[in-house]
Amino acid sequence: MTDLEYADRAEQLLLAIEQCVDRINVATDADIDSQRSGGLITLVFANGSQIVVNQQRPLHEIWMASRSGGYHYRFDGVAWQDTKGAGEFFGALSRDASEQSGLVLRFHD
């Protein structure tokens, strides 16, 4: 993947997260505050816990940090997959956001 391809894919991912937060906030009582600064998004939940998603341009990866740990994702041509084989990004984000919010939340691209 070229640097330009990575930048496009990573931006699409961050935009999808923001759109999901907007949709979730309208449809549920989750009240997630989404804060974006360049290539970094911080999701802040009502209980004060956070999930941070950021671009790692030199590695062509997306990193996610949540209560459950830190994860690295690389685009495989179809989806952002965990570099250690633990699954797809939006599945992990849905799992961790649900755990941290206490609600069943569904993120998708």
PDB file of N, CA and C in Angstrom:
ATOM      1  N   MET A   1       0.841  -1.167   0.000  1.00  0.00           N
ATOM      2  CA  MET A   1       0.000   0.000   0.000  1.00  0.00           C
ATOM      3  C   MET A   1       0.894   1.240   0.000  1.00  0.00           C
ATOM      4  N   THR A   2       0.553   2.185  -0.848  1.00  0.00           N
ATOM      5  CA  THR A   2       1.326   3.421  -0.898  1.00  0.00           C
ATOM      6  C   THR A   2       0.919   4.330   0.274  1.00  0.00           C
ATOM      7  N   ASP A   3       1.716   5.363   0.513  1.00  0.00           N
ATOM      8  CA  ASP A   3       1.384   6.320   1.562  1.00  0.00           C
ATOM      9  C   ASP A   3       0.044   6.998   1.282  1.00  0.00           C
ATOM     10  N   LEU A   4      -0.207   7.324   0.025  1.00  0.00           N
ATOM     11  CA  LEU A   4      -1.458   7.974  -0.343  1.00  0.00           C
ATOM     12  C   LEU A   4      -2.650   7.042  -0.134  1.00  0.00           C
ATOM     13  N   GLU A   5      -2.498   5.781  -0.520  1.00  0.00           N
ATOM     14  CA  GLU A   5      -3.572   4.808  -0.301  1.00  0.00           C
ATOM     15  C   GLU A   5      -3.860   4.642   1.195  1.00  0.00           C
ATOM     16  N   TYR A   6      -2.790   4.555   1.970  1.00  0.00           N
ATOM     17  CA  TYR A   6      -2.967   4.454   3.422  1.00  0.00           C
ATOM     18  C   TYR A   6      -3.719   5.668   3.960  1.00  0.00           C
ATOM     19  N   ALA A   7      -3.301   6.860   3.560  1.00  0.00           N
ATOM     20  CA  ALA A   7      -3.940   8.089   4.049  1.00  0.00           C
ATOM     21  C   ALA A   7      -5.427   8.105   3.709  1.00  0.00           C
ATOM     22  N   ASP A   8      -5.783   7.685   2.507  1.00  0.00           N
ATOM     23  CA  ASP A   8      -7.191   7.632   2.098  1.00  0.00           C
ATOM     24  C   ASP A   8      -7.972   6.621   2.926  1.00  0.00           C
ATOM     25  N   ARG A   9      -7.432   5.430   3.081  1.00  0.00           N
ATOM     26  CA  ARG A   9      -8.107   4.369   3.856  1.00  0.00           C
ATOM     27  C   ARG A   9      -8.249   4.764   5.323  1.00  0.00           C
ATOM     28  N   ALA A  10      -7.195   5.320   5.886  1.00  0.00           N
ATOM     29  CA  ALA A  10      -7.226   5.711   7.299  1.00  0.00           C
ATOM     30  C   ALA A  10      -8.242   6.828   7.519  1.00  0.00           C
ATOM     31  N   GLU A  11      -8.296   7.781   6.610  1.00  0.00           N
ATOM     32  CA  GLU A  11      -9.274   8.873   6.731  1.00  0.00           C
ATOM     33  C   GLU A  11     -10.694   8.328   6.627  1.00  0.00           C
ATOM     34  N   GLN A  12     -10.928   7.384   5.733  1.00  0.00           N
ATOM     35  CA  GLN A  12     -12.248   6.754   5.611  1.00  0.00           C
ATOM     36  C   GLN A  12     -12.647   6.077   6.924  1.00  0.00           C
ATOM     37  N   LEU A  13     -11.697   5.417   7.562  1.00  0.00           N
ATOM     38  CA  LEU A  13     -11.965   4.749   8.837  1.00  0.00           C
ATOM     39  C   LEU A  13     -12.356   5.761   9.907  1.00  0.00           C
ATOM     40  N   LEU A  14     -11.593   6.839  10.035  1.00  0.00           N
ATOM     41  CA  LEU A  14     -11.889   7.847  11.051  1.00  0.00           C
ATOM     42  C   LEU A  14     -13.237   8.508  10.796  1.00  0.00           C
ATOM     43  N   LEU A  15     -13.556   8.796   9.558  1.00  0.00           N
ATOM     44  CA  LEU A  15     -14.865   9.366   9.229  1.00  0.00           C
ATOM     45  C   LEU A  15     -15.989   8.391   9.569  1.00  0.00           C
ATOM     46  N   ALA A  16     -15.782   7.117   9.298  1.00  0.00           N
ATOM     47  CA  ALA A  16     -16.794   6.105   9.628  1.00  0.00           C
ATOM     48  C   ALA A  16     -17.025   6.041  11.130  1.00  0.00           C
ATOM     49  N   ILE A  17     -15.968   6.143  11.920  1.00  0.00           N
ATOM     50  CA  ILE A  17     -16.117   6.150  13.380  1.00  0.00           C
ATOM     51  C   ILE A  17     -16.965   7.345  13.807  1.00  0.00           C
ATOM     52  N   GLU A  18     -16.653   8.528  13.280  1.00  0.00           N
ATOM     53  CA  GLU A  18     -17.412   9.730  13.634  1.00  0.00           C
ATOM     54  C   GLU A  18     -18.890   9.587  13.252  1.00  0.00           C
ATOM     55  N   GLN A  19     -19.152   9.035  12.087  1.00  0.00           N
ATOM     56  CA  GLN A  19     -20.533   8.842  11.646  1.00  0.00           C
ATOM     57  C   GLN A  19     -21.257   7.830  12.533  1.00  0.00           C
ATOM     58  N   CYS A  20     -20.551   6.782  12.941  1.00  0.00           N
ATOM     59  CA  CYS A  20     -21.144   5.793  13.838  1.00  0.00           C
ATOM     60  C   CYS A  20     -21.491   6.415  15.188  1.00  0.00           C
ATOM     61  N   VAL A  21     -20.599   7.235  15.710  1.00  0.00           N
ATOM     62  CA  VAL A  21     -20.864   7.902  16.990  1.00  0.00           C
ATOM     63  C   VAL A  21     -22.120   8.759  16.877  1.00  0.00           C
ATOM     64  N   ASP A  22     -22.238   9.517  15.794  1.00  0.00           N
ATOM     65  CA  ASP A  22     -23.427  10.345  15.597  1.00  0.00           C
ATOM     66  C   ASP A  22     -24.687   9.475  15.570  1.00  0.00           C
ATOM     67  N   ARG A  23     -24.638   8.371  14.820  1.00  0.00           N
ATOM     68  CA  ARG A  23     -25.786   7.474  14.708  1.00  0.00           C
ATOM     69  C   ARG A  23     -26.126   6.850  16.062  1.00  0.00           C
ATOM     70  N   ILE A  24     -25.106   6.396  16.778  1.00  0.00           N
ATOM     71  CA  ILE A  24     -25.312   5.758  18.084  1.00  0.00           C
ATOM     72  C   ILE A  24     -25.902   6.752  19.078  1.00  0.00           C
ATOM     73  N   ASN A  25     -25.409   7.985  19.062  1.00  0.00           N
ATOM     74  CA  ASN A  25     -25.926   8.991  19.996  1.00  0.00           C
ATOM     75  C   ASN A  25     -27.400   9.318  19.738  1.00  0.00           C
ATOM     76  N   VAL A  26     -27.825   9.268  18.488  1.00  0.00           N
ATOM     77  CA  VAL A  26     -29.230   9.515  18.158  1.00  0.00           C
ATOM     78  C   VAL A  26     -30.092   8.314  18.566  1.00  0.00           C
ATOM     79  N   ALA A  27     -29.570   7.102  18.363  1.00  0.00           N
ATOM     80  CA  ALA A  27     -30.371   5.887  18.556  1.00  0.00           C
ATOM     81  C   ALA A  27     -30.345   5.316  19.966  1.00  0.00           C
ATOM     82  N   THR A  28     -29.383   5.738  20.798  1.00  0.00           N
ATOM     83  CA  THR A  28     -29.236   5.137  22.129  1.00  0.00           C
ATOM     84  C   THR A  28     -29.007   6.224  23.183  1.00  0.00           C
ATOM     85  N   ASP A  29     -28.866   5.793  24.418  1.00  0.00           N
ATOM     86  CA  ASP A  29     -28.528   6.688  25.524  1.00  0.00           C
ATOM     87  C   ASP A  29     -27.034   6.688  25.815  1.00  0.00           C
ATOM     88  N   ALA A  30     -26.210   6.268  24.860  1.00  0.00           N
ATOM     89  CA  ALA A  30     -24.772   6.119  25.091  1.00  0.00           C
ATOM     90  C   ALA A  30     -24.081   7.444  25.408  1.00  0.00           C
ATOM     91  N   ASP A  31     -24.469   8.532  24.775  1.00  0.00           N
ATOM     92  CA  ASP A  31     -23.889   9.857  25.006  1.00  0.00           C
ATOM     93  C   ASP A  31     -22.360   9.833  24.900  1.00  0.00           C
ATOM     94  N   ILE A  32     -21.872   9.399  23.737  1.00  0.00           N
ATOM     95  CA  ILE A  32     -20.432   9.340  23.474  1.00  0.00           C
ATOM     96  C   ILE A  32     -19.973  10.697  22.945  1.00  0.00           C
ATOM     97  N   ASP A  33     -18.943  11.234  23.549  1.00  0.00           N
ATOM     98  CA  ASP A  33     -18.337  12.471  23.073  1.00  0.00           C
ATOM     99  C   ASP A  33     -17.161  12.082  22.180  1.00  0.00           C
ATOM    100  N   SER A  34     -17.216  12.502  20.926  1.00  0.00           N
ATOM    101  CA  SER A  34     -16.159  12.202  19.956  1.00  0.00           C
ATOM    102  C   SER A  34     -15.332  13.450  19.738  1.00  0.00           C
ATOM    103  N   GLN A  35     -14.038  13.353  20.030  1.00  0.00           N
ATOM    104  CA  GLN A  35     -13.132  14.484  19.864  1.00  0.00           C
ATOM    105  C   GLN A  35     -12.062  14.099  18.856  1.00  0.00           C
ATOM    106  N   ARG A  36     -11.936  14.908  17.809  1.00  0.00           N
ATOM    107  CA  ARG A  36     -10.943  14.601  16.777  1.00  0.00           C
ATOM    108  C   ARG A  36      -9.900  15.687  16.693  1.00  0.00           C
ATOM    109  N   SER A  37      -8.662  15.243  16.584  1.00  0.00           N
ATOM    110  CA  SER A  37      -7.543  16.148  16.370  1.00  0.00           C
ATOM    111  C   SER A  37      -6.646  15.509  15.318  1.00  0.00           C
ATOM    112  N   GLY A  38      -6.739  15.975  14.089  1.00  0.00           N
ATOM    113  CA  GLY A  38      -5.947  15.402  13.002  1.00  0.00           C
ATOM    114  C   GLY A  38      -6.257  13.935  12.806  1.00  0.00           C
ATOM    115  N   GLY A  39      -5.255  13.088  12.951  1.00  0.00           N
ATOM    116  CA  GLY A  39      -5.405  11.655  12.752  1.00  0.00           C
ATOM    117  C   GLY A  39      -5.717  10.889  14.022  1.00  0.00           C
ATOM    118  N   LEU A  40      -6.285  11.578  15.020  1.00  0.00           N
ATOM    119  CA  LEU A  40      -6.584  10.936  16.305  1.00  0.00           C
ATOM    120  C   LEU A  40      -8.017  11.243  16.704  1.00  0.00           C
ATOM    121  N   ILE A  41      -8.740  10.204  17.127  1.00  0.00           N
ATOM    122  CA  ILE A  41     -10.091  10.358  17.660  1.00  0.00           C
ATOM    123  C   ILE A  41     -10.114   9.797  19.068  1.00  0.00           C
ATOM    124  N   THR A  42     -10.686  10.570  19.987  1.00  0.00           N
ATOM    125  CA  THR A  42     -10.899  10.109  21.351  1.00  0.00           C
ATOM    126  C   THR A  42     -12.398  10.014  21.577  1.00  0.00           C
ATOM    127  N   LEU A  43     -12.852   8.824  21.963  1.00  0.00           N
ATOM    128  CA  LEU A  43     -14.249   8.615  22.321  1.00  0.00           C
ATOM    129  C   LEU A  43     -14.327   8.622  23.836  1.00  0.00           C
ATOM    130  N   VAL A  44     -15.135   9.518  24.377  1.00  0.00           N
ATOM    131  CA  VAL A  44     -15.283   9.635  25.824  1.00  0.00           C
ATOM    132  C   VAL A  44     -16.704   9.223  26.178  1.00  0.00           C
ATOM    133  N   PHE A  45     -16.817   8.248  27.083  1.00  0.00           N
ATOM    134  CA  PHE A  45     -18.108   7.711  27.485  1.00  0.00           C
ATOM    135  C   PHE A  45     -18.622   8.425  28.735  1.00  0.00           C
ATOM    136  N   ALA A  46     -19.903   8.278  29.013  1.00  0.00           N
ATOM    137  CA  ALA A  46     -20.548   8.974  30.132  1.00  0.00           C
ATOM    138  C   ALA A  46     -19.856   8.692  31.466  1.00  0.00           C
ATOM    139  N   ASN A  47     -19.254   7.511  31.603  1.00  0.00           N
ATOM    140  CA  ASN A  47     -18.570   7.151  32.851  1.00  0.00           C
ATOM    141  C   ASN A  47     -17.130   7.667  32.915  1.00  0.00           C
ATOM    142  N   GLY A  48     -16.730   8.440  31.900  1.00  0.00           N
ATOM    143  CA  GLY A  48     -15.390   9.013  31.868  1.00  0.00           C
ATOM    144  C   GLY A  48     -14.338   8.142  31.198  1.00  0.00           C
ATOM    145  N   SER A  49     -14.651   6.893  30.891  1.00  0.00           N
ATOM    146  CA  SER A  49     -13.672   6.035  30.220  1.00  0.00           C
ATOM    147  C   SER A  49     -13.514   6.479  28.765  1.00  0.00           C
ATOM    148  N   GLN A  50     -12.396   6.091  28.168  1.00  0.00           N
ATOM    149  CA  GLN A  50     -12.079   6.540  26.816  1.00  0.00           C
ATOM    150  C   GLN A  50     -11.593   5.391  25.940  1.00  0.00           C
ATOM    151  N   ILE A  51     -11.795   5.581  24.646  1.00  0.00           N
ATOM    152  CA  ILE A  51     -11.157   4.765  23.615  1.00  0.00           C
ATOM    153  C   ILE A  51     -10.469   5.748  22.679  1.00  0.00           C
ATOM    154  N   VAL A  52      -9.199   5.495  22.395  1.00  0.00           N
ATOM    155  CA  VAL A  52      -8.426   6.368  21.510  1.00  0.00           C
ATOM    156  C   VAL A  52      -8.050   5.576  20.256  1.00  0.00           C
ATOM    157  N   VAL A  53      -8.314   6.180  19.107  1.00  0.00           N
ATOM    158  CA  VAL A  53      -7.972   5.580  17.815  1.00  0.00           C
ATOM    159  C   VAL A  53      -7.081   6.582  17.094  1.00  0.00           C
ATOM    160  N   ASN A  54      -5.925   6.126  16.643  1.00  0.00           N
ATOM    161  CA  ASN A  54      -5.054   7.059  15.928  1.00  0.00           C
ATOM    162  C   ASN A  54      -4.305   6.390  14.785  1.00  0.00           C
ATOM    163  N   GLN A  55      -3.938   7.239  13.840  1.00  0.00           N
ATOM    164  CA  GLN A  55      -3.180   6.787  12.675  1.00  0.00           C
ATOM    165  C   GLN A  55      -1.702   6.658  13.045  1.00  0.00           C
ATOM    166  N   GLN A  56      -1.097   5.624  12.528  1.00  0.00           N
ATOM    167  CA  GLN A  56       0.350   5.447  12.628  1.00  0.00           C
ATOM    168  C   GLN A  56       0.883   5.407  11.203  1.00  0.00           C
ATOM    169  N   ARG A  57       1.064   6.588  10.645  1.00  0.00           N
ATOM    170  CA  ARG A  57       1.417   6.725   9.229  1.00  0.00           C
ATOM    171  C   ARG A  57       2.679   5.957   8.821  1.00  0.00           C
ATOM    172  N   PRO A  58       3.783   6.046   9.569  1.00  0.00           N
ATOM    173  CA  PRO A  58       4.998   5.356   9.125  1.00  0.00           C
ATOM    174  C   PRO A  58       4.813   3.829   9.003  1.00  0.00           C
ATOM    175  N   LEU A  59       3.929   3.272   9.823  1.00  0.00           N
ATOM    176  CA  LEU A  59       3.706   1.827   9.809  1.00  0.00           C
ATOM    177  C   LEU A  59       2.510   1.409   8.966  1.00  0.00           C
ATOM    178  N   HIS A  60       1.759   2.397   8.453  1.00  0.00           N
ATOM    179  CA  HIS A  60       0.516   2.135   7.713  1.00  0.00           C
ATOM    180  C   HIS A  60      -0.454   1.336   8.581  1.00  0.00           C
ATOM    181  N   GLU A  61      -0.568   1.725   9.833  1.00  0.00           N
ATOM    182  CA  GLU A  61      -1.449   1.047  10.780  1.00  0.00           C
ATOM    183  C   GLU A  61      -2.392   2.042  11.439  1.00  0.00           C
ATOM    184  N   ILE A  62      -3.424   1.483  12.039  1.00  0.00           N
ATOM    185  CA  ILE A  62      -4.336   2.196  12.930  1.00  0.00           C
ATOM    186  C   ILE A  62      -4.154   1.558  14.295  1.00  0.00           C
ATOM    187  N   TRP A  63      -4.022   2.383  15.315  1.00  0.00           N
ATOM    188  CA  TRP A  63      -3.886   1.869  16.682  1.00  0.00           C
ATOM    189  C   TRP A  63      -5.131   2.236  17.472  1.00  0.00           C
ATOM    190  N   MET A  64      -5.557   1.319  18.325  1.00  0.00           N
ATOM    191  CA  MET A  64      -6.690   1.569  19.206  1.00  0.00           C
ATOM    192  C   MET A  64      -6.282   1.223  20.628  1.00  0.00           C
ATOM    193  N   ALA A  65      -6.582   2.115  21.557  1.00  0.00           N
ATOM    194  CA  ALA A  65      -6.334   1.874  22.976  1.00  0.00           C
ATOM    195  C   ALA A  65      -7.661   1.990  23.714  1.00  0.00           C
ATOM    196  N   SER A  66      -7.965   0.978  24.523  1.00  0.00           N
ATOM    197  CA  SER A  66      -9.188   0.965  25.321  1.00  0.00           C
ATOM    198  C   SER A  66      -8.863   0.330  26.669  1.00  0.00           C
ATOM    199  N   ARG A  67      -9.869   0.188  27.502  1.00  0.00           N
ATOM    200  CA  ARG A  67      -9.641  -0.452  28.803  1.00  0.00           C
ATOM    201  C   ARG A  67      -9.070  -1.862  28.651  1.00  0.00           C
ATOM    202  N   SER A  68      -9.458  -2.545  27.576  1.00  0.00           N
ATOM    203  CA  SER A  68      -9.023  -3.934  27.408  1.00  0.00           C
ATOM    204  C   SER A  68      -7.595  -4.060  26.891  1.00  0.00           C
ATOM    205  N   GLY A  69      -6.997  -2.955  26.419  1.00  0.00           N
ATOM    206  CA  GLY A  69      -5.618  -3.016  25.950  1.00  0.00           C
ATOM    207  C   GLY A  69      -5.379  -2.165  24.722  1.00  0.00           C
ATOM    208  N   GLY A  70      -4.220  -2.363  24.122  1.00  0.00           N
ATOM    209  CA  GLY A  70      -3.830  -1.648  22.917  1.00  0.00           C
ATOM    210  C   GLY A  70      -3.762  -2.603  21.737  1.00  0.00           C
ATOM    211  N   TYR A  71      -4.228  -2.146  20.584  1.00  0.00           N
ATOM    212  CA  TYR A  71      -4.325  -3.007  19.398  1.00  0.00           C
ATOM    213  C   TYR A  71      -3.807  -2.269  18.175  1.00  0.00           C
ATOM    214  N   HIS A  72      -3.219  -3.029  17.254  1.00  0.00           N
ATOM    215  CA  HIS A  72      -2.699  -2.492  16.002  1.00  0.00           C
ATOM    216  C   HIS A  72      -3.462  -3.156  14.859  1.00  0.00           C
ATOM    217  N   TYR A  73      -3.859  -2.352  13.878  1.00  0.00           N
ATOM    218  CA  TYR A  73      -4.623  -2.853  12.737  1.00  0.00           C
ATOM    219  C   TYR A  73      -3.961  -2.430  11.440  1.00  0.00           C
ATOM    220  N   ARG A  74      -3.983  -3.339  10.481  1.00  0.00           N
ATOM    221  CA  ARG A  74      -3.419  -3.081   9.158  1.00  0.00           C
ATOM    222  C   ARG A  74      -4.481  -3.452   8.126  1.00  0.00           C
ATOM    223  N   PHE A  75      -4.602  -2.652   7.077  1.00  0.00           N
ATOM    224  CA  PHE A  75      -5.602  -2.905   6.045  1.00  0.00           C
ATOM    225  C   PHE A  75      -5.147  -4.073   5.173  1.00  0.00           C
ATOM    226  N   ASP A  76      -6.029  -5.076   5.009  1.00  0.00           N
ATOM    227  CA  ASP A  76      -5.669  -6.278   4.251  1.00  0.00           C
ATOM    228  C   ASP A  76      -6.241  -6.292   2.833  1.00  0.00           C
ATOM    229  N   GLY A  77      -6.752  -5.147   2.377  1.00  0.00           N
ATOM    230  CA  GLY A  77      -7.375  -5.082   1.061  1.00  0.00           C
ATOM    231  C   GLY A  77      -8.887  -5.094   1.150  1.00  0.00           C
ATOM    232  N   VAL A  78      -9.413  -5.547   2.289  1.00  0.00           N
ATOM    233  CA  VAL A  78     -10.861  -5.603   2.505  1.00  0.00           C
ATOM    234  C   VAL A  78     -11.255  -4.862   3.783  1.00  0.00           C
ATOM    235  N   ALA A  79     -10.512  -5.112   4.860  1.00  0.00           N
ATOM    236  CA  ALA A  79     -10.848  -4.528   6.171  1.00  0.00           C
ATOM    237  C   ALA A  79      -9.572  -4.315   6.976  1.00  0.00           C
ATOM    238  N   TRP A  80      -9.696  -3.549   8.057  1.00  0.00           N
ATOM    239  CA  TRP A  80      -8.582  -3.332   8.985  1.00  0.00           C
ATOM    240  C   TRP A  80      -8.561  -4.513   9.946  1.00  0.00           C
ATOM    241  N   GLN A  81      -7.480  -5.296   9.881  1.00  0.00           N
ATOM    242  CA  GLN A  81      -7.356  -6.522  10.681  1.00  0.00           C
ATOM    243  C   GLN A  81      -6.282  -6.352  11.745  1.00  0.00           C
ATOM    244  N   ASP A  82      -6.536  -6.922  12.921  1.00  0.00           N
ATOM    245  CA  ASP A  82      -5.560  -6.902  14.013  1.00  0.00           C
ATOM    246  C   ASP A  82      -4.278  -7.592  13.554  1.00  0.00           C
ATOM    247  N   THR A  83      -3.141  -6.982  13.837  1.00  0.00           N
ATOM    248  CA  THR A  83      -1.864  -7.530  13.384  1.00  0.00           C
ATOM    249  C   THR A  83      -1.485  -8.818  14.102  1.00  0.00           C
ATOM    250  N   LYS A  84      -2.177  -9.136  15.199  1.00  0.00           N
ATOM    251  CA  LYS A  84      -1.910 -10.377  15.928  1.00  0.00           C
ATOM    252  C   LYS A  84      -3.017 -11.403  15.720  1.00  0.00           C
ATOM    253  N   GLY A  85      -3.873 -11.168  14.719  1.00  0.00           N
ATOM    254  CA  GLY A  85      -4.896 -12.136  14.362  1.00  0.00           C
ATOM    255  C   GLY A  85      -6.138 -12.130  15.238  1.00  0.00           C
ATOM    256  N   ALA A  86      -6.369 -11.036  15.980  1.00  0.00           N
ATOM    257  CA  ALA A  86      -7.500 -10.991  16.907  1.00  0.00           C
ATOM    258  C   ALA A  86      -8.775 -10.425  16.280  1.00  0.00           C
ATOM    259  N   GLY A  87      -8.824 -10.293  14.957  1.00  0.00           N
ATOM    260  CA  GLY A  87     -10.063  -9.886  14.310  1.00  0.00           C
ATOM    261  C   GLY A  87     -10.041  -8.507  13.685  1.00  0.00           C
ATOM    262  N   GLU A  88     -11.220  -8.104  13.254  1.00  0.00           N
ATOM    263  CA  GLU A  88     -11.431  -6.889  12.476  1.00  0.00           C
ATOM    264  C   GLU A  88     -11.675  -5.690  13.398  1.00  0.00           C
ATOM    265  N   PHE A  89     -11.270  -4.511  12.941  1.00  0.00           N
ATOM    266  CA  PHE A  89     -11.311  -3.287  13.750  1.00  0.00           C
ATOM    267  C   PHE A  89     -12.698  -2.976  14.299  1.00  0.00           C
ATOM    268  N   PHE A  90     -13.715  -2.896  13.444  1.00  0.00           N
ATOM    269  CA  PHE A  90     -15.029  -2.469  13.905  1.00  0.00           C
ATOM    270  C   PHE A  90     -15.657  -3.462  14.879  1.00  0.00           C
ATOM    271  N   GLY A  91     -15.342  -4.743  14.740  1.00  0.00           N
ATOM    272  CA  GLY A  91     -15.796  -5.724  15.718  1.00  0.00           C
ATOM    273  C   GLY A  91     -15.188  -5.458  17.084  1.00  0.00           C
ATOM    274  N   ALA A  92     -13.890  -5.165  17.102  1.00  0.00           N
ATOM    275  CA  ALA A  92     -13.206  -4.870  18.370  1.00  0.00           C
ATOM    276  C   ALA A  92     -13.697  -3.558  18.967  1.00  0.00           C
ATOM    277  N   LEU A  93     -13.905  -2.545  18.135  1.00  0.00           N
ATOM    278  CA  LEU A  93     -14.411  -1.273  18.635  1.00  0.00           C
ATOM    279  C   LEU A  93     -15.809  -1.451  19.215  1.00  0.00           C
ATOM    280  N   SER A  94     -16.650  -2.215  18.550  1.00  0.00           N
ATOM    281  CA  SER A  94     -18.002  -2.484  19.060  1.00  0.00           C
ATOM    282  C   SER A  94     -17.939  -3.197  20.402  1.00  0.00           C
ATOM    283  N   ARG A  95     -17.089  -4.185  20.510  1.00  0.00           N
ATOM    284  CA  ARG A  95     -16.928  -4.945  21.755  1.00  0.00           C
ATOM    285  C   ARG A  95     -16.471  -4.043  22.903  1.00  0.00           C
ATOM    286  N   ASP A  96     -15.412  -3.277  22.658  1.00  0.00           N
ATOM    287  CA  ASP A  96     -14.845  -2.448  23.723  1.00  0.00           C
ATOM    288  C   ASP A  96     -15.761  -1.285  24.088  1.00  0.00           C
ATOM    289  N   ALA A  97     -16.395  -0.664  23.094  1.00  0.00           N
ATOM    290  CA  ALA A  97     -17.324   0.428  23.382  1.00  0.00           C
ATOM    291  C   ALA A  97     -18.532  -0.085  24.160  1.00  0.00           C
ATOM    292  N   SER A  98     -19.011  -1.264  23.820  1.00  0.00           N
ATOM    293  CA  SER A  98     -20.135  -1.853  24.552  1.00  0.00           C
ATOM    294  C   SER A  98     -19.747  -2.115  25.998  1.00  0.00           C
ATOM    295  N   GLU A  99     -18.558  -2.677  26.196  1.00  0.00           N
ATOM    296  CA  GLU A  99     -18.080  -2.962  27.552  1.00  0.00           C
ATOM    297  C   GLU A  99     -17.925  -1.680  28.358  1.00  0.00           C
ATOM    298  N   GLN A 100     -17.357  -0.661  27.751  1.00  0.00           N
ATOM    299  CA  GLN A 100     -17.084   0.573  28.487  1.00  0.00           C
ATOM    300  C   GLN A 100     -18.340   1.415  28.725  1.00  0.00           C
ATOM    301  N   SER A 101     -19.335   1.302  27.860  1.00  0.00           N
ATOM    302  CA  SER A 101     -20.552   2.099  28.014  1.00  0.00           C
ATOM    303  C   SER A 101     -21.620   1.383  28.826  1.00  0.00           C
ATOM    304  N   GLY A 102     -21.533   0.047  28.878  1.00  0.00           N
ATOM    305  CA  GLY A 102     -22.574  -0.719  29.541  1.00  0.00           C
ATOM    306  C   GLY A 102     -23.800  -0.927  28.662  1.00  0.00           C
ATOM    307  N   LEU A 103     -23.705  -0.563  27.392  1.00  0.00           N
ATOM    308  CA  LEU A 103     -24.784  -0.731  26.417  1.00  0.00           C
ATOM    309  C   LEU A 103     -24.274  -1.555  25.247  1.00  0.00           C
ATOM    310  N   VAL A 104     -25.176  -2.194  24.530  1.00  0.00           N
ATOM    311  CA  VAL A 104     -24.774  -2.912  23.328  1.00  0.00           C
ATOM    312  C   VAL A 104     -24.672  -1.887  22.199  1.00  0.00           C
ATOM    313  N   LEU A 105     -23.452  -1.644  21.722  1.00  0.00           N
ATOM    314  CA  LEU A 105     -23.205  -0.660  20.680  1.00  0.00           C
ATOM    315  C   LEU A 105     -22.618  -1.345  19.464  1.00  0.00           C
ATOM    316  N   ARG A 106     -23.025  -0.902  18.286  1.00  0.00           N
ATOM    317  CA  ARG A 106     -22.557  -1.508  17.037  1.00  0.00           C
ATOM    318  C   ARG A 106     -21.913  -0.453  16.161  1.00  0.00           C
ATOM    319  N   PHE A 107     -20.611  -0.583  15.972  1.00  0.00           N
ATOM    320  CA  PHE A 107     -19.865   0.257  15.034  1.00  0.00           C
ATOM    321  C   PHE A 107     -19.634  -0.552  13.764  1.00  0.00           C
ATOM    322  N   HIS A 108     -19.696   0.108  12.633  1.00  0.00           N
ATOM    323  CA  HIS A 108     -19.405  -0.562  11.350  1.00  0.00           C
ATOM    324  C   HIS A 108     -18.987   0.486  10.340  1.00  0.00           C
ATOM    325  N   ASP A 109     -18.336   0.009   9.273  1.00  0.00           N
ATOM    326  CA  ASP A 109     -17.908   0.965   8.240  1.00  0.00           C
ATOM    327  C   ASP A 109     -18.959   1.136   7.191  1.00  0.00           C
TER     328      ASP A 109
END
